N, C-alpha and C. Protein backbone atom coordinates (compact mmCIF):
# COMPACT_ATOMS: atom_id res chain seq x y z
N MET A 1 16.30 15.19 4.05
CA MET A 1 16.39 15.77 5.38
C MET A 1 15.43 16.94 5.50
N THR A 2 14.84 17.04 6.65
CA THR A 2 13.97 18.18 6.90
C THR A 2 14.80 19.32 7.48
N SER A 3 14.24 20.47 7.50
CA SER A 3 14.93 21.62 8.07
C SER A 3 14.22 22.02 9.35
N LYS A 4 14.67 21.47 10.45
CA LYS A 4 14.08 21.77 11.76
C LYS A 4 12.56 21.67 11.73
N TRP A 5 12.07 20.51 11.28
CA TRP A 5 10.63 20.30 11.20
C TRP A 5 10.01 20.39 12.57
N SER A 6 8.87 21.02 12.65
CA SER A 6 8.14 21.13 13.89
C SER A 6 6.66 21.20 13.56
N PRO A 7 5.81 20.45 14.30
CA PRO A 7 4.38 20.51 14.02
C PRO A 7 3.80 21.85 14.45
N PRO A 8 2.58 22.19 14.00
CA PRO A 8 1.94 23.43 14.43
C PRO A 8 1.87 23.50 15.95
N SER A 9 1.85 24.70 16.50
CA SER A 9 1.90 24.86 17.95
C SER A 9 0.71 24.23 18.66
N ASP A 10 -0.43 24.07 17.97
CA ASP A 10 -1.60 23.49 18.63
C ASP A 10 -1.58 21.96 18.60
N ALA A 11 -0.59 21.38 17.97
CA ALA A 11 -0.51 19.92 17.90
C ALA A 11 0.83 19.47 18.47
N ARG A 12 0.79 18.63 19.45
CA ARG A 12 2.01 18.07 20.02
C ARG A 12 1.90 16.55 20.02
N PRO A 13 2.20 15.94 18.89
CA PRO A 13 2.08 14.49 18.80
C PRO A 13 3.19 13.81 19.59
N THR A 14 2.96 12.55 19.93
CA THR A 14 4.02 11.74 20.50
C THR A 14 4.72 11.08 19.33
N ILE A 15 6.01 11.31 19.21
CA ILE A 15 6.78 10.75 18.12
C ILE A 15 7.74 9.72 18.70
N TYR A 16 7.74 8.52 18.10
CA TYR A 16 8.63 7.46 18.53
C TYR A 16 9.69 7.22 17.47
N GLY A 17 10.89 6.95 17.91
CA GLY A 17 11.97 6.58 17.01
C GLY A 17 12.44 5.18 17.35
N VAL A 18 12.38 4.28 16.37
CA VAL A 18 12.75 2.89 16.61
C VAL A 18 13.68 2.43 15.49
N CYS A 19 14.89 2.08 15.83
CA CYS A 19 15.85 1.46 14.89
C CYS A 19 16.08 2.28 13.63
N ASN A 20 16.17 3.58 13.72
CA ASN A 20 16.45 4.40 12.54
C ASN A 20 17.95 4.62 12.39
N GLU A 21 18.36 4.76 11.12
CA GLU A 21 19.76 5.02 10.83
C GLU A 21 19.87 6.25 9.94
N ALA A 22 20.97 6.96 10.11
CA ALA A 22 21.31 8.08 9.22
C ALA A 22 22.76 7.89 8.81
N ARG A 23 22.98 7.80 7.53
CA ARG A 23 24.33 7.58 6.99
C ARG A 23 25.01 6.37 7.61
N GLY A 24 24.23 5.30 7.83
CA GLY A 24 24.79 4.04 8.31
C GLY A 24 24.99 3.94 9.81
N SER A 25 24.65 4.97 10.57
CA SER A 25 24.81 4.93 12.03
C SER A 25 23.44 5.05 12.70
N PRO A 26 23.26 4.36 13.83
CA PRO A 26 21.98 4.46 14.55
C PRO A 26 21.72 5.89 15.01
N VAL A 27 20.47 6.31 14.92
CA VAL A 27 20.08 7.65 15.38
C VAL A 27 19.70 7.55 16.85
N THR A 28 20.38 8.32 17.68
CA THR A 28 20.05 8.36 19.10
C THR A 28 19.55 9.74 19.52
N ASP A 29 19.93 10.76 18.77
CA ASP A 29 19.48 12.12 19.04
C ASP A 29 18.77 12.63 17.79
N TYR A 30 17.45 12.58 17.82
CA TYR A 30 16.66 12.94 16.63
C TYR A 30 16.71 14.43 16.33
N ARG A 31 16.91 15.25 17.33
CA ARG A 31 17.00 16.69 17.10
C ARG A 31 18.24 16.99 16.26
N GLU A 32 19.36 16.38 16.60
CA GLU A 32 20.60 16.60 15.85
C GLU A 32 20.67 15.74 14.60
N GLY A 33 20.38 14.44 14.75
CA GLY A 33 20.56 13.50 13.65
C GLY A 33 19.61 13.68 12.49
N LEU A 34 18.34 14.03 12.76
CA LEU A 34 17.34 14.17 11.70
C LEU A 34 16.66 15.53 11.69
N ASN A 35 17.16 16.47 12.47
CA ASN A 35 16.62 17.84 12.51
C ASN A 35 15.14 17.88 12.88
N ILE A 36 14.72 17.03 13.79
CA ILE A 36 13.33 17.05 14.24
C ILE A 36 13.26 17.94 15.48
N GLY A 37 12.45 18.98 15.40
CA GLY A 37 12.42 20.01 16.44
C GLY A 37 11.47 19.76 17.58
N VAL A 38 10.99 18.54 17.75
CA VAL A 38 10.12 18.21 18.88
C VAL A 38 10.71 16.98 19.57
N PRO A 39 10.32 16.74 20.81
CA PRO A 39 10.85 15.57 21.52
C PRO A 39 10.47 14.26 20.81
N VAL A 40 11.42 13.35 20.75
CA VAL A 40 11.21 12.03 20.17
C VAL A 40 11.53 11.00 21.24
N THR A 41 10.59 10.10 21.51
CA THR A 41 10.82 9.02 22.45
C THR A 41 11.55 7.91 21.70
N VAL A 42 12.77 7.60 22.13
CA VAL A 42 13.59 6.60 21.45
C VAL A 42 13.35 5.24 22.11
N LEU A 43 13.00 4.25 21.29
CA LEU A 43 12.81 2.88 21.76
C LEU A 43 13.92 2.01 21.21
N ASP A 44 14.40 1.08 22.03
CA ASP A 44 15.49 0.20 21.61
C ASP A 44 15.03 -0.78 20.53
N CYS A 45 15.95 -1.12 19.65
CA CYS A 45 15.66 -2.13 18.63
C CYS A 45 15.38 -3.46 19.33
N GLY A 46 14.37 -4.17 18.86
CA GLY A 46 14.03 -5.46 19.43
C GLY A 46 13.17 -5.38 20.68
N ALA A 47 13.02 -4.20 21.25
CA ALA A 47 12.19 -4.05 22.44
C ALA A 47 10.72 -4.06 22.04
N CYS A 48 9.86 -4.32 23.00
CA CYS A 48 8.42 -4.27 22.75
C CYS A 48 8.06 -2.83 22.40
N THR A 49 7.48 -2.64 21.23
CA THR A 49 7.19 -1.28 20.76
C THR A 49 5.69 -1.02 20.61
N VAL A 50 4.87 -1.78 21.34
CA VAL A 50 3.43 -1.59 21.16
C VAL A 50 2.97 -0.19 21.52
N ASP A 51 3.68 0.47 22.44
CA ASP A 51 3.32 1.86 22.74
C ASP A 51 3.39 2.71 21.48
N ALA A 52 4.30 2.37 20.59
CA ALA A 52 4.47 3.15 19.37
C ALA A 52 3.56 2.69 18.24
N VAL A 53 3.21 1.41 18.21
CA VAL A 53 2.47 0.90 17.05
C VAL A 53 0.97 0.73 17.26
N CYS A 54 0.51 0.64 18.50
CA CYS A 54 -0.93 0.52 18.73
C CYS A 54 -1.61 1.83 18.36
N PHE A 55 -2.70 1.75 17.60
CA PHE A 55 -3.47 2.94 17.25
C PHE A 55 -4.25 3.36 18.49
N ALA A 56 -3.80 4.43 19.13
CA ALA A 56 -4.28 4.82 20.45
C ALA A 56 -5.80 4.99 20.53
N ALA A 57 -6.41 5.57 19.51
CA ALA A 57 -7.85 5.86 19.56
C ALA A 57 -8.69 4.59 19.57
N ARG A 58 -8.13 3.45 19.17
CA ARG A 58 -8.90 2.20 19.13
C ARG A 58 -8.27 1.12 20.00
N THR A 59 -7.35 1.51 20.89
CA THR A 59 -6.70 0.57 21.79
C THR A 59 -7.23 0.79 23.20
N SER A 60 -7.74 -0.28 23.82
CA SER A 60 -8.26 -0.14 25.18
C SER A 60 -7.17 -0.36 26.21
N SER A 61 -6.21 -1.24 25.90
CA SER A 61 -5.11 -1.49 26.83
C SER A 61 -4.00 -2.24 26.11
N ILE A 62 -2.92 -2.46 26.84
CA ILE A 62 -1.80 -3.25 26.33
C ILE A 62 -1.59 -4.39 27.30
N SER A 63 -1.53 -5.60 26.77
CA SER A 63 -1.33 -6.78 27.59
C SER A 63 -0.06 -7.48 27.14
N GLY A 64 0.92 -7.53 28.04
CA GLY A 64 2.22 -8.09 27.65
C GLY A 64 2.82 -7.20 26.58
N CYS A 65 2.98 -7.74 25.40
CA CYS A 65 3.51 -6.94 24.29
C CYS A 65 2.50 -6.96 23.15
N GLU A 66 1.20 -6.89 23.48
CA GLU A 66 0.15 -6.91 22.47
C GLU A 66 -0.88 -5.82 22.74
N CYS A 67 -1.40 -5.25 21.66
CA CYS A 67 -2.46 -4.25 21.75
C CYS A 67 -3.78 -4.97 22.02
N VAL A 68 -4.58 -4.45 22.91
CA VAL A 68 -5.93 -4.97 23.15
C VAL A 68 -6.88 -3.93 22.57
N CYS A 69 -7.62 -4.34 21.54
CA CYS A 69 -8.45 -3.39 20.80
C CYS A 69 -9.75 -3.07 21.52
N ALA A 70 -10.13 -1.81 21.45
CA ALA A 70 -11.44 -1.37 21.90
C ALA A 70 -12.42 -1.60 20.75
N SER A 71 -13.68 -1.30 20.96
CA SER A 71 -14.68 -1.43 19.90
C SER A 71 -14.26 -0.61 18.69
N GLY A 72 -14.30 -1.24 17.53
CA GLY A 72 -13.93 -0.54 16.31
C GLY A 72 -12.45 -0.62 15.98
N GLY A 73 -11.66 -1.34 16.78
CA GLY A 73 -10.24 -1.52 16.49
C GLY A 73 -10.02 -2.87 15.81
N TYR A 74 -9.17 -2.89 14.79
CA TYR A 74 -8.95 -4.11 14.01
C TYR A 74 -7.48 -4.48 13.94
N GLY A 75 -7.22 -5.76 13.92
CA GLY A 75 -5.87 -6.26 13.68
C GLY A 75 -4.96 -6.14 14.89
N ASP A 76 -3.69 -6.47 14.67
CA ASP A 76 -2.69 -6.48 15.74
C ASP A 76 -2.44 -5.10 16.33
N THR A 77 -2.70 -4.05 15.57
CA THR A 77 -2.40 -2.69 16.04
C THR A 77 -3.65 -1.85 16.27
N CYS A 78 -4.84 -2.47 16.21
CA CYS A 78 -6.11 -1.81 16.51
C CYS A 78 -6.41 -0.64 15.57
N LEU A 79 -6.19 -0.86 14.29
CA LEU A 79 -6.48 0.19 13.31
C LEU A 79 -7.98 0.42 13.21
N PRO A 80 -8.42 1.60 12.75
CA PRO A 80 -9.85 1.91 12.69
C PRO A 80 -10.59 1.19 11.56
N ALA A 81 -9.88 0.48 10.71
CA ALA A 81 -10.52 -0.29 9.64
C ALA A 81 -9.72 -1.56 9.42
N ALA A 82 -10.41 -2.61 9.02
CA ALA A 82 -9.73 -3.88 8.77
C ALA A 82 -8.81 -3.74 7.56
N VAL A 83 -7.64 -4.30 7.66
CA VAL A 83 -6.68 -4.29 6.56
C VAL A 83 -6.82 -5.61 5.81
N PRO A 84 -6.92 -5.57 4.47
CA PRO A 84 -7.06 -6.82 3.72
C PRO A 84 -5.86 -7.73 3.97
N ASP A 85 -6.10 -9.03 3.80
CA ASP A 85 -5.02 -10.00 3.99
C ASP A 85 -3.85 -9.69 3.08
N GLY A 86 -4.11 -9.07 1.96
CA GLY A 86 -3.02 -8.70 1.07
C GLY A 86 -3.44 -8.82 -0.37
N LEU A 87 -2.66 -8.24 -1.20
CA LEU A 87 -2.90 -8.30 -2.63
C LEU A 87 -1.83 -9.14 -3.30
N GLY A 88 -1.23 -10.03 -2.56
CA GLY A 88 -0.24 -10.91 -3.13
C GLY A 88 1.16 -10.43 -2.84
N PRO A 89 2.12 -11.21 -3.30
CA PRO A 89 3.51 -10.88 -3.03
C PRO A 89 3.96 -9.65 -3.80
N LEU A 90 4.94 -8.96 -3.26
CA LEU A 90 5.52 -7.83 -3.97
C LEU A 90 6.30 -8.34 -5.17
N PRO A 91 6.42 -7.54 -6.20
CA PRO A 91 7.17 -7.99 -7.37
C PRO A 91 8.63 -8.24 -7.01
N LEU A 92 9.23 -9.16 -7.71
CA LEU A 92 10.63 -9.45 -7.48
C LEU A 92 11.48 -8.25 -7.86
N PRO A 93 12.49 -7.92 -7.06
CA PRO A 93 13.28 -6.73 -7.34
C PRO A 93 14.08 -6.81 -8.63
N ASP A 94 14.41 -8.03 -9.09
CA ASP A 94 15.23 -8.14 -10.29
C ASP A 94 14.40 -8.31 -11.56
N ALA A 95 13.08 -8.14 -11.47
CA ALA A 95 12.24 -8.28 -12.66
C ALA A 95 12.54 -7.16 -13.64
N ASN A 96 12.55 -7.50 -14.92
CA ASN A 96 12.83 -6.46 -15.91
C ASN A 96 11.53 -5.80 -16.35
N ASP A 97 11.63 -4.73 -17.10
CA ASP A 97 10.44 -3.94 -17.42
C ASP A 97 9.51 -4.61 -18.42
N THR A 98 9.90 -5.74 -19.00
CA THR A 98 9.00 -6.43 -19.93
C THR A 98 8.11 -7.43 -19.20
N GLU A 99 8.38 -7.67 -17.95
CA GLU A 99 7.63 -8.64 -17.18
C GLU A 99 6.35 -8.02 -16.64
N VAL A 100 5.26 -8.74 -16.72
CA VAL A 100 3.99 -8.30 -16.14
C VAL A 100 3.86 -8.98 -14.79
N ARG A 101 3.71 -8.21 -13.75
CA ARG A 101 3.60 -8.76 -12.40
C ARG A 101 2.14 -8.95 -12.06
N CYS A 102 1.84 -10.05 -11.39
CA CYS A 102 0.45 -10.39 -11.07
C CYS A 102 0.11 -10.06 -9.62
N VAL A 103 -1.14 -9.69 -9.42
CA VAL A 103 -1.70 -9.54 -8.08
C VAL A 103 -2.37 -10.88 -7.78
N HIS A 104 -1.99 -11.51 -6.66
CA HIS A 104 -2.52 -12.82 -6.30
C HIS A 104 -3.42 -12.70 -5.08
N GLY A 105 -4.67 -13.13 -5.21
CA GLY A 105 -5.58 -13.22 -4.09
C GLY A 105 -6.04 -11.88 -3.55
N GLY A 106 -7.05 -11.93 -2.69
CA GLY A 106 -7.55 -10.72 -2.05
C GLY A 106 -8.75 -10.15 -2.78
N SER A 107 -9.18 -8.99 -2.34
CA SER A 107 -10.32 -8.30 -2.93
C SER A 107 -9.90 -6.90 -3.35
N LEU A 108 -10.44 -6.46 -4.48
CA LEU A 108 -10.18 -5.11 -4.97
C LEU A 108 -11.50 -4.46 -5.34
N GLY A 109 -11.64 -3.18 -5.01
CA GLY A 109 -12.83 -2.44 -5.38
C GLY A 109 -12.57 -1.45 -6.50
N PHE A 110 -11.30 -1.34 -6.93
CA PHE A 110 -10.96 -0.33 -7.92
C PHE A 110 -9.66 -0.72 -8.61
N VAL A 111 -9.62 -0.53 -9.91
CA VAL A 111 -8.38 -0.69 -10.68
C VAL A 111 -8.19 0.62 -11.44
N GLY A 112 -7.11 1.32 -11.15
CA GLY A 112 -6.84 2.59 -11.81
C GLY A 112 -6.51 2.40 -13.28
N ASP A 113 -6.67 3.47 -14.06
CA ASP A 113 -6.31 3.40 -15.47
C ASP A 113 -4.82 3.16 -15.59
N PRO A 114 -4.43 2.23 -16.45
CA PRO A 114 -2.99 1.94 -16.59
C PRO A 114 -2.26 3.09 -17.28
N ASP A 115 -1.03 3.29 -16.91
CA ASP A 115 -0.18 4.28 -17.58
C ASP A 115 0.15 3.78 -18.98
N PRO A 116 0.38 4.69 -19.92
CA PRO A 116 0.69 4.26 -21.29
C PRO A 116 1.89 3.32 -21.40
N GLY A 117 2.86 3.38 -20.51
CA GLY A 117 4.02 2.51 -20.60
C GLY A 117 3.81 1.11 -20.03
N VAL A 118 2.68 0.87 -19.39
CA VAL A 118 2.41 -0.43 -18.78
C VAL A 118 2.19 -1.46 -19.87
N ARG A 119 2.80 -2.63 -19.71
CA ARG A 119 2.67 -3.68 -20.72
C ARG A 119 1.50 -4.62 -20.42
N GLY A 120 1.08 -4.68 -19.18
CA GLY A 120 -0.02 -5.59 -18.88
C GLY A 120 -0.50 -5.45 -17.45
N LEU A 121 -1.69 -5.97 -17.23
CA LEU A 121 -2.28 -6.07 -15.90
C LEU A 121 -2.60 -7.54 -15.69
N CYS A 122 -2.33 -8.05 -14.51
CA CYS A 122 -2.54 -9.47 -14.25
C CYS A 122 -3.12 -9.65 -12.86
N PHE A 123 -4.22 -10.39 -12.79
CA PHE A 123 -4.88 -10.67 -11.52
C PHE A 123 -5.19 -12.16 -11.46
N VAL A 124 -4.81 -12.80 -10.36
CA VAL A 124 -5.04 -14.23 -10.19
C VAL A 124 -5.76 -14.44 -8.86
N ASN A 125 -6.90 -15.13 -8.90
CA ASN A 125 -7.70 -15.43 -7.70
C ASN A 125 -8.07 -14.16 -6.93
N VAL A 126 -8.46 -13.12 -7.65
CA VAL A 126 -8.86 -11.85 -7.04
C VAL A 126 -10.37 -11.70 -7.16
N THR A 127 -11.01 -11.25 -6.10
CA THR A 127 -12.44 -10.95 -6.13
C THR A 127 -12.58 -9.45 -6.28
N PHE A 128 -13.23 -9.03 -7.36
CA PHE A 128 -13.46 -7.61 -7.60
C PHE A 128 -14.82 -7.25 -7.02
N THR A 129 -14.85 -6.29 -6.11
CA THR A 129 -16.10 -5.93 -5.43
C THR A 129 -16.87 -4.84 -6.17
N ALA A 130 -16.30 -4.35 -7.26
CA ALA A 130 -16.97 -3.36 -8.11
C ALA A 130 -16.55 -3.65 -9.55
N ALA A 131 -17.28 -3.09 -10.49
CA ALA A 131 -16.96 -3.30 -11.90
C ALA A 131 -15.59 -2.70 -12.22
N ILE A 132 -14.84 -3.38 -13.07
CA ILE A 132 -13.55 -2.87 -13.53
C ILE A 132 -13.82 -2.00 -14.75
N VAL A 133 -13.31 -0.79 -14.74
CA VAL A 133 -13.45 0.12 -15.88
C VAL A 133 -12.04 0.55 -16.29
N LEU A 134 -11.63 0.17 -17.50
CA LEU A 134 -10.31 0.55 -18.02
C LEU A 134 -10.50 1.55 -19.14
N ASP A 135 -9.92 2.72 -18.99
CA ASP A 135 -9.99 3.75 -20.02
C ASP A 135 -8.65 3.77 -20.74
N LEU A 136 -8.66 3.32 -21.99
CA LEU A 136 -7.42 3.22 -22.77
C LEU A 136 -7.28 4.38 -23.74
N SER A 137 -7.91 5.50 -23.46
CA SER A 137 -7.89 6.63 -24.39
C SER A 137 -6.49 7.22 -24.56
N TYR A 138 -5.57 6.96 -23.62
CA TYR A 138 -4.21 7.49 -23.74
C TYR A 138 -3.28 6.54 -24.47
N PHE A 139 -3.78 5.37 -24.84
CA PHE A 139 -2.95 4.40 -25.53
C PHE A 139 -2.99 4.64 -27.03
N ASP A 140 -1.87 4.41 -27.69
CA ASP A 140 -1.79 4.46 -29.15
C ASP A 140 -1.91 3.02 -29.62
N ALA A 141 -3.14 2.61 -29.95
CA ALA A 141 -3.45 1.20 -30.19
C ALA A 141 -2.54 0.49 -31.19
N PRO A 142 -2.20 1.06 -32.35
CA PRO A 142 -1.35 0.29 -33.26
C PRO A 142 0.06 0.04 -32.71
N GLN A 143 0.57 0.95 -31.89
CA GLN A 143 1.93 0.80 -31.39
C GLN A 143 2.00 0.17 -30.00
N GLN A 144 0.93 0.23 -29.26
CA GLN A 144 0.96 -0.26 -27.89
C GLN A 144 -0.03 -1.38 -27.68
N THR A 145 0.37 -2.35 -26.87
CA THR A 145 -0.49 -3.47 -26.53
C THR A 145 -0.58 -3.54 -25.02
N LEU A 146 -1.76 -3.72 -24.52
CA LEU A 146 -1.96 -3.92 -23.09
C LEU A 146 -2.64 -5.27 -22.91
N ASN A 147 -1.93 -6.21 -22.31
CA ASN A 147 -2.51 -7.51 -22.03
C ASN A 147 -3.11 -7.48 -20.63
N VAL A 148 -4.39 -7.83 -20.54
CA VAL A 148 -5.07 -7.89 -19.26
C VAL A 148 -5.39 -9.35 -18.98
N THR A 149 -4.81 -9.89 -17.91
CA THR A 149 -5.03 -11.29 -17.55
C THR A 149 -5.86 -11.33 -16.28
N LEU A 150 -6.98 -12.02 -16.36
CA LEU A 150 -7.86 -12.24 -15.21
C LEU A 150 -8.03 -13.75 -15.09
N LEU A 151 -7.29 -14.38 -14.19
CA LEU A 151 -7.30 -15.83 -14.06
C LEU A 151 -7.99 -16.22 -12.76
N GLN A 152 -9.06 -16.98 -12.87
CA GLN A 152 -9.83 -17.46 -11.72
C GLN A 152 -10.26 -16.31 -10.81
N CYS A 153 -10.75 -15.25 -11.43
CA CYS A 153 -11.21 -14.06 -10.70
C CYS A 153 -12.73 -14.03 -10.65
N VAL A 154 -13.26 -13.30 -9.69
CA VAL A 154 -14.70 -13.08 -9.59
C VAL A 154 -14.94 -11.62 -10.00
N LEU A 155 -15.74 -11.44 -11.06
CA LEU A 155 -15.99 -10.10 -11.60
C LEU A 155 -17.42 -9.66 -11.35
N VAL A 156 -17.60 -8.39 -11.05
CA VAL A 156 -18.93 -7.78 -10.98
C VAL A 156 -19.27 -7.25 -12.37
N GLY A 157 -18.29 -6.71 -13.05
CA GLY A 157 -18.48 -6.18 -14.40
C GLY A 157 -17.15 -5.76 -14.97
N LEU A 158 -17.11 -5.59 -16.30
CA LEU A 158 -15.88 -5.19 -16.97
C LEU A 158 -16.22 -4.25 -18.11
N SER A 159 -15.57 -3.10 -18.14
CA SER A 159 -15.77 -2.14 -19.22
C SER A 159 -14.40 -1.68 -19.69
N ILE A 160 -14.16 -1.82 -21.02
CA ILE A 160 -12.91 -1.36 -21.60
C ILE A 160 -13.27 -0.30 -22.62
N ARG A 161 -12.71 0.90 -22.44
CA ARG A 161 -13.04 2.03 -23.30
C ARG A 161 -11.80 2.56 -24.00
N GLY A 162 -12.02 3.16 -25.15
CA GLY A 162 -10.95 3.83 -25.87
C GLY A 162 -11.53 5.05 -26.56
N SER A 163 -10.68 5.87 -27.16
CA SER A 163 -11.22 7.03 -27.87
C SER A 163 -10.55 7.13 -29.23
N GLY A 164 -11.28 6.78 -30.26
CA GLY A 164 -10.78 6.92 -31.62
C GLY A 164 -9.80 5.85 -32.05
N ALA A 165 -9.25 5.11 -31.13
CA ALA A 165 -8.28 4.06 -31.48
C ALA A 165 -8.97 2.70 -31.41
N ARG A 166 -8.35 1.75 -32.07
CA ARG A 166 -8.91 0.40 -32.04
C ARG A 166 -8.57 -0.25 -30.71
N VAL A 167 -9.54 -0.95 -30.17
CA VAL A 167 -9.33 -1.75 -28.98
C VAL A 167 -9.78 -3.15 -29.32
N HIS A 168 -8.87 -4.10 -29.27
CA HIS A 168 -9.19 -5.49 -29.54
C HIS A 168 -9.32 -6.21 -28.21
N VAL A 169 -10.40 -6.93 -28.03
CA VAL A 169 -10.62 -7.66 -26.80
C VAL A 169 -10.74 -9.13 -27.14
N ASN A 170 -9.96 -9.95 -26.46
CA ASN A 170 -10.01 -11.39 -26.61
C ASN A 170 -10.31 -11.97 -25.24
N VAL A 171 -11.46 -12.60 -25.09
CA VAL A 171 -11.86 -13.14 -23.79
C VAL A 171 -11.78 -14.65 -23.86
N THR A 172 -11.05 -15.24 -22.93
CA THR A 172 -10.95 -16.68 -22.82
C THR A 172 -11.41 -17.06 -21.42
N SER A 173 -12.36 -17.95 -21.33
CA SER A 173 -12.90 -18.36 -20.04
C SER A 173 -11.91 -19.29 -19.34
N SER A 174 -11.76 -19.10 -18.04
CA SER A 174 -10.88 -20.00 -17.28
C SER A 174 -11.63 -20.58 -16.09
């Protein structure tokens, strides 16, 4: 919960509230229910909410219940940049910590260094738009194993680094 949150005096954004709940009950008064100190326009659940979701700076108009994008607006909500189709399905909620979850499809320009507790990285049908650089300097090689699976991927380059520890690389073409 916030404590009477209020934006700076020079900024008065339009805030929309749609289908929010607090402690299991619908929020109808945002000032009382969520301690928001500015006016909130409440929209009914199931109602057309394009006024709330269209990115105003890239929306030229609204037609029916759809955003009509101006130049430079992308997608259903006229965002200022195109959103990728996706990086695959979200991991299953009941997966245990020994399971390596895969990213399926899409394009990636960056893969962050894995945390020491990560058991593996898995990419299937992913196009990498930049070289993958993995720094394993935080891994304790004899005690930790990191399996990296790249199945039917398009690579620009791959660099695996370590510091003082052994790094074993096994590459199998697919």
